[in-house]
Protein backbone atom coordinates (compact mmCIF):
# COMPACT_ATOMS: atom_id res chain seq x y z
CA MET A 1 76.27 -36.31 162.83
CA GLY A 2 79.02 -35.05 165.07
CA ILE A 3 80.42 -36.74 168.14
CA GLU A 4 78.53 -34.30 170.37
CA SER A 5 75.22 -35.26 168.79
CA LEU A 6 76.00 -38.95 169.23
CA ILE A 7 76.89 -38.48 172.91
CA ILE A 8 73.72 -36.45 173.55
CA MET A 9 71.62 -39.10 171.78
CA LEU A 10 73.20 -41.86 173.91
CA VAL A 11 72.65 -39.92 177.15
CA ILE A 12 69.02 -39.16 176.29
CA GLY A 13 68.51 -42.80 175.30
CA ALA A 14 70.03 -44.05 178.55
CA VAL A 15 67.97 -41.71 180.72
CA ALA A 16 64.77 -42.43 178.80
CA GLY A 17 65.33 -46.18 178.86
CA TRP A 18 66.07 -46.16 182.56
CA LEU A 19 63.00 -44.04 183.37
CA ALA A 20 60.77 -46.22 181.21
CA GLY A 21 62.17 -49.31 182.93
CA GLN A 22 61.31 -47.79 186.30
CA ILE A 23 57.79 -46.83 185.22
CA VAL A 24 57.05 -50.18 183.57
CA SER A 25 58.22 -52.25 186.51
CA GLY A 26 60.22 -55.38 185.92
CA TYR A 27 61.85 -54.31 182.68
CA GLY A 28 65.45 -53.29 183.18
CA PHE A 29 67.87 -54.26 180.44
CA GLY A 30 71.16 -52.93 181.78
CA LEU A 31 72.96 -49.86 180.50
CA VAL A 32 73.24 -50.86 176.84
CA GLY A 33 69.72 -52.29 176.75
CA ASN A 34 68.29 -49.14 178.32
CA ILE A 35 70.08 -47.00 175.73
CA VAL A 36 68.64 -49.12 172.92
CA VAL A 37 65.14 -49.03 174.43
CA GLY A 38 65.37 -45.26 174.88
CA ILE A 39 66.59 -44.64 171.33
CA LEU A 40 63.96 -46.98 169.85
CA GLY A 41 61.36 -45.30 172.04
CA ALA A 42 62.35 -41.89 170.72
CA PHE A 43 62.09 -43.24 167.18
CA ILE A 44 58.64 -44.73 167.84
CA ALA A 45 57.44 -41.51 169.45
CA GLY A 46 58.87 -39.56 166.52
CA LEU A 47 56.75 -41.63 164.17
CA ILE A 48 53.53 -41.67 166.18
CA PHE A 49 53.30 -38.23 167.80
CA PRO A 50 53.30 -36.03 164.66
CA ARG A 51 50.52 -38.17 163.19
CA ILE A 52 48.26 -37.54 166.18
CA GLY A 53 49.18 -33.87 166.40
CA PHE A 54 51.39 -34.00 169.50
CA MET A 55 54.61 -32.07 169.01
CA THR A 56 57.33 -31.34 171.55
CA ASP A 57 59.76 -28.47 171.11
CA GLY A 58 61.91 -27.46 173.99
CA GLY A 59 65.37 -28.93 174.15
CA ILE A 60 66.79 -31.85 176.03
CA LEU A 61 64.04 -32.15 178.64
CA ALA A 62 61.37 -32.36 175.95
CA ALA A 63 63.49 -34.92 174.08
CA ILE A 64 63.79 -37.05 177.22
CA ILE A 65 60.03 -36.89 177.87
CA HIS A 66 59.38 -37.72 174.23
CA ALA A 67 61.76 -40.69 174.35
CA VAL A 68 60.38 -41.92 177.69
CA ILE A 69 56.82 -42.00 176.37
CA GLY A 70 57.98 -43.88 173.27
CA ALA A 71 60.05 -46.29 175.38
CA ILE A 72 57.05 -46.97 177.64
CA ILE A 73 54.99 -47.78 174.55
CA LEU A 74 57.78 -50.09 173.37
CA LEU A 75 58.05 -51.86 176.73
CA LEU A 76 54.29 -52.33 176.96
CA LEU A 77 54.27 -53.80 173.46
CA LEU A 78 57.12 -56.12 174.43
CA ARG A 79 55.19 -57.21 177.51
CA LEU A 80 52.10 -57.88 175.39
CA VAL A 81 54.07 -59.93 172.84
CA LYS A 82 55.88 -61.84 175.59
CA ARG A 83 52.57 -62.90 177.17
CA ALA A 84 51.12 -64.13 173.88
């Protein structure tokens, strides 16, 4: 993985984490936390979506949407675990 790929992954993670934090209100984790949530969300979506037949191809915008959906799933799971 080159430095460009790492920077793109961090930017996509930050944007996805921030958007997911805005959608799932009350869950902002700061810059580093949002990056982690976005990257983990992209990983979760990458595991779940191909199994249900949902594939996204289309560059950075599709990657951000993919990561945001995964991050929302992650934040909702965190909210569920936190309540229990």
